[in-house]
């Protein structure tokens, strides 16, 4: 039985709009904004040359919602067919 969730991630087209929604409308607390790129994150996400920006907001009970915005990625050409 699942009794708790540590965090969840949601891909968003505009990180600033997501931050505004979660902090000003939902009244959650902004914990951190960070960027990730390089081979490690590219391998985890399955795309080459990935660069993402992530904003973490916290619920009153401590769960984290990650808003993820892709700023750059290279799709395999087989995905374009």
N, C-alpha and C. Protein backbone atom coordinates (compact mmCIF):
# COMPACT_ATOMS: atom_id res chain seq x y z
N UNK A 1 0.84 -1.17 0.00
CA UNK A 1 0.00 0.00 0.00
C UNK A 1 0.90 1.25 0.00
N UNK A 2 0.57 2.20 -0.85
CA UNK A 2 1.29 3.48 -0.90
C UNK A 2 0.75 4.37 0.21
N UNK A 3 1.67 4.90 1.04
CA UNK A 3 1.23 5.76 2.14
C UNK A 3 1.74 7.19 2.01
N UNK A 4 2.68 7.44 1.08
CA UNK A 4 3.23 8.79 0.93
C UNK A 4 3.85 8.93 -0.45
N UNK A 5 3.94 10.16 -0.93
CA UNK A 5 4.61 10.46 -2.18
C UNK A 5 5.66 11.53 -1.88
N UNK A 6 6.90 11.28 -2.29
CA UNK A 6 7.98 12.24 -2.07
C UNK A 6 7.87 13.41 -3.02
N UNK A 7 7.77 13.10 -4.32
CA UNK A 7 7.66 14.17 -5.31
C UNK A 7 7.04 13.65 -6.59
N UNK A 8 6.57 14.58 -7.41
CA UNK A 8 6.08 14.26 -8.74
C UNK A 8 6.58 15.33 -9.69
N UNK A 9 6.72 14.98 -10.95
CA UNK A 9 7.21 15.92 -11.95
C UNK A 9 6.20 16.13 -13.06
N UNK A 10 6.10 17.37 -13.49
CA UNK A 10 5.18 17.74 -14.56
C UNK A 10 5.95 18.57 -15.58
N UNK A 11 5.90 18.16 -16.85
CA UNK A 11 6.55 18.94 -17.90
C UNK A 11 5.64 20.10 -18.27
N UNK A 12 6.21 21.31 -18.28
CA UNK A 12 5.44 22.52 -18.56
C UNK A 12 6.08 23.29 -19.72
N UNK A 13 5.27 23.99 -20.51
CA UNK A 13 5.85 24.76 -21.62
C UNK A 13 6.49 26.07 -21.18
N UNK A 14 6.08 26.62 -20.04
CA UNK A 14 6.61 27.90 -19.57
C UNK A 14 6.80 27.82 -18.06
N UNK A 15 8.05 27.78 -17.62
CA UNK A 15 8.37 27.61 -16.21
C UNK A 15 7.89 28.78 -15.36
N UNK A 16 7.99 29.99 -15.87
CA UNK A 16 7.56 31.17 -15.10
C UNK A 16 6.05 31.14 -14.83
N UNK A 17 5.27 30.72 -15.81
CA UNK A 17 3.82 30.62 -15.61
C UNK A 17 3.51 29.53 -14.57
N UNK A 18 4.24 28.42 -14.64
CA UNK A 18 4.03 27.35 -13.66
C UNK A 18 4.37 27.82 -12.25
N UNK A 19 5.47 28.54 -12.10
CA UNK A 19 5.86 29.07 -10.78
C UNK A 19 4.79 30.02 -10.27
N UNK A 20 4.32 30.90 -11.13
CA UNK A 20 3.27 31.84 -10.74
C UNK A 20 2.01 31.10 -10.29
N UNK A 21 1.60 30.10 -11.04
CA UNK A 21 0.40 29.32 -10.70
C UNK A 21 0.55 28.66 -9.33
N UNK A 22 1.65 27.94 -9.13
CA UNK A 22 1.80 27.20 -7.88
C UNK A 22 2.03 28.09 -6.66
N UNK A 23 2.73 29.21 -6.84
CA UNK A 23 3.01 30.06 -5.68
C UNK A 23 1.91 31.08 -5.40
N UNK A 24 1.36 31.70 -6.42
CA UNK A 24 0.37 32.76 -6.20
C UNK A 24 -1.07 32.28 -6.17
N UNK A 25 -1.37 31.24 -6.93
CA UNK A 25 -2.76 30.75 -6.95
C UNK A 25 -2.94 29.59 -5.98
N UNK A 26 -2.04 28.62 -6.04
CA UNK A 26 -2.16 27.45 -5.16
C UNK A 26 -1.54 27.69 -3.78
N UNK A 27 -0.78 28.79 -3.64
CA UNK A 27 -0.15 29.18 -2.36
C UNK A 27 0.87 28.16 -1.84
N UNK A 28 1.56 27.48 -2.77
CA UNK A 28 2.63 26.58 -2.39
C UNK A 28 3.93 27.38 -2.27
N UNK A 29 4.93 26.78 -1.66
CA UNK A 29 6.19 27.48 -1.38
C UNK A 29 7.24 27.07 -2.42
N UNK A 30 7.86 28.07 -3.05
CA UNK A 30 8.95 27.81 -4.00
C UNK A 30 10.18 27.41 -3.20
N UNK A 31 10.70 26.22 -3.49
CA UNK A 31 11.84 25.67 -2.76
C UNK A 31 13.14 25.93 -3.51
N UNK A 32 13.12 25.71 -4.83
CA UNK A 32 14.36 25.78 -5.59
C UNK A 32 14.07 25.89 -7.08
N UNK A 33 14.94 26.62 -7.78
CA UNK A 33 14.96 26.63 -9.24
C UNK A 33 16.37 26.21 -9.63
N UNK A 34 16.45 25.26 -10.56
CA UNK A 34 17.77 24.79 -10.97
C UNK A 34 17.76 24.42 -12.45
N UNK A 35 18.95 24.32 -13.00
CA UNK A 35 19.12 23.88 -14.39
C UNK A 35 19.97 22.63 -14.40
N UNK A 36 19.68 21.76 -15.35
CA UNK A 36 20.45 20.54 -15.50
C UNK A 36 20.72 20.31 -16.98
N UNK A 37 21.93 19.87 -17.26
CA UNK A 37 22.28 19.48 -18.62
C UNK A 37 23.43 18.49 -18.55
N UNK A 38 23.84 18.02 -19.68
CA UNK A 38 24.95 17.08 -19.72
C UNK A 38 24.51 15.65 -19.94
N UNK A 39 25.50 14.76 -19.97
CA UNK A 39 25.23 13.37 -20.33
C UNK A 39 24.37 12.66 -19.30
N UNK A 40 24.50 13.00 -18.02
CA UNK A 40 23.72 12.33 -16.99
C UNK A 40 22.22 12.53 -17.15
N UNK A 41 21.80 13.76 -17.28
CA UNK A 41 20.37 14.05 -17.43
C UNK A 41 19.87 13.59 -18.80
N UNK A 42 20.72 13.67 -19.81
CA UNK A 42 20.34 13.19 -21.14
C UNK A 42 20.07 11.69 -21.10
N UNK A 43 20.90 10.94 -20.37
CA UNK A 43 20.71 9.49 -20.27
C UNK A 43 19.43 9.18 -19.49
N UNK A 44 19.17 9.88 -18.40
CA UNK A 44 17.97 9.64 -17.60
C UNK A 44 16.71 9.90 -18.42
N UNK A 45 16.69 11.00 -19.19
CA UNK A 45 15.50 11.40 -19.94
C UNK A 45 15.41 10.75 -21.32
N UNK A 46 16.52 10.20 -21.81
CA UNK A 46 16.48 9.47 -23.07
C UNK A 46 16.62 10.32 -24.32
N UNK A 47 17.08 11.55 -24.18
CA UNK A 47 17.30 12.43 -25.33
C UNK A 47 18.72 12.97 -25.27
N UNK A 48 19.33 13.16 -26.42
CA UNK A 48 20.68 13.72 -26.47
C UNK A 48 20.64 15.23 -26.24
N UNK A 49 21.72 15.76 -25.72
CA UNK A 49 21.92 17.21 -25.55
C UNK A 49 20.77 17.88 -24.80
N UNK A 50 20.28 17.23 -23.74
CA UNK A 50 19.15 17.75 -23.00
C UNK A 50 19.59 18.84 -22.04
N UNK A 51 18.81 19.92 -22.00
CA UNK A 51 18.99 21.00 -21.03
C UNK A 51 17.61 21.34 -20.50
N UNK A 52 17.44 21.22 -19.18
CA UNK A 52 16.14 21.49 -18.57
C UNK A 52 16.28 22.52 -17.46
N UNK A 53 15.18 23.20 -17.19
CA UNK A 53 15.06 24.05 -16.01
C UNK A 53 13.96 23.44 -15.15
N UNK A 54 14.19 23.39 -13.85
CA UNK A 54 13.27 22.75 -12.92
C UNK A 54 12.96 23.70 -11.78
N UNK A 55 11.69 23.80 -11.44
CA UNK A 55 11.26 24.57 -10.26
C UNK A 55 10.54 23.61 -9.32
N UNK A 56 11.00 23.56 -8.07
CA UNK A 56 10.36 22.73 -7.06
C UNK A 56 9.51 23.60 -6.15
N UNK A 57 8.26 23.18 -5.95
CA UNK A 57 7.39 23.82 -4.96
C UNK A 57 6.97 22.76 -3.97
N UNK A 58 6.71 23.19 -2.74
CA UNK A 58 6.37 22.26 -1.67
C UNK A 58 4.94 22.45 -1.20
N UNK A 59 4.26 21.32 -0.95
CA UNK A 59 2.93 21.36 -0.37
C UNK A 59 3.06 21.57 1.14
N UNK A 60 1.97 21.90 1.82
CA UNK A 60 2.03 22.08 3.28
C UNK A 60 2.51 20.83 4.03
N UNK A 61 2.33 19.65 3.44
CA UNK A 61 2.77 18.42 4.09
C UNK A 61 4.12 17.92 3.60
N UNK A 62 4.80 18.72 2.77
CA UNK A 62 6.18 18.43 2.38
C UNK A 62 6.40 17.73 1.07
N UNK A 63 5.35 17.36 0.35
CA UNK A 63 5.56 16.76 -0.96
C UNK A 63 6.04 17.83 -1.93
N UNK A 64 6.86 17.42 -2.86
CA UNK A 64 7.44 18.34 -3.84
C UNK A 64 6.79 18.11 -5.20
N UNK A 65 6.41 19.21 -5.85
CA UNK A 65 5.97 19.17 -7.24
C UNK A 65 7.07 19.82 -8.06
N UNK A 66 7.63 19.06 -9.00
CA UNK A 66 8.67 19.56 -9.89
C UNK A 66 8.04 19.99 -11.20
N UNK A 67 8.19 21.24 -11.56
CA UNK A 67 7.80 21.70 -12.90
C UNK A 67 9.07 21.67 -13.74
N UNK A 68 9.01 20.96 -14.85
CA UNK A 68 10.19 20.76 -15.70
C UNK A 68 9.93 21.40 -17.05
N UNK A 69 10.86 22.24 -17.49
CA UNK A 69 10.78 22.87 -18.79
C UNK A 69 12.02 22.50 -19.60
N UNK A 70 11.80 21.91 -20.77
CA UNK A 70 12.92 21.58 -21.66
C UNK A 70 13.35 22.85 -22.39
N UNK A 71 14.62 23.22 -22.23
CA UNK A 71 15.13 24.37 -22.97
C UNK A 71 15.88 23.93 -24.22
N UNK A 72 16.34 22.66 -24.23
CA UNK A 72 17.01 22.13 -25.42
C UNK A 72 17.06 20.62 -25.33
N UNK A 73 16.80 19.97 -26.44
CA UNK A 73 17.02 18.53 -26.56
C UNK A 73 17.16 18.20 -28.03
N UNK A 74 17.83 17.08 -28.30
CA UNK A 74 17.99 16.62 -29.67
C UNK A 74 17.20 15.32 -29.82
N UNK A 75 16.19 15.35 -30.67
CA UNK A 75 15.38 14.16 -30.92
C UNK A 75 16.07 13.25 -31.92
N UNK A 76 16.01 11.94 -31.70
CA UNK A 76 16.53 11.02 -32.72
C UNK A 76 15.76 11.21 -34.03
N UNK A 77 16.42 11.10 -35.15
CA UNK A 77 15.74 11.32 -36.43
C UNK A 77 14.61 10.31 -36.65
N UNK A 78 14.68 9.14 -36.03
CA UNK A 78 13.61 8.15 -36.18
C UNK A 78 12.30 8.64 -35.56
N UNK A 79 12.37 9.60 -34.60
CA UNK A 79 11.17 10.17 -33.98
C UNK A 79 10.47 11.18 -34.90
N UNK A 80 11.14 11.60 -35.95
CA UNK A 80 10.60 12.65 -36.81
C UNK A 80 9.83 12.09 -38.01
N UNK A 81 9.88 10.80 -38.19
CA UNK A 81 9.23 10.17 -39.34
C UNK A 81 7.74 10.04 -39.12
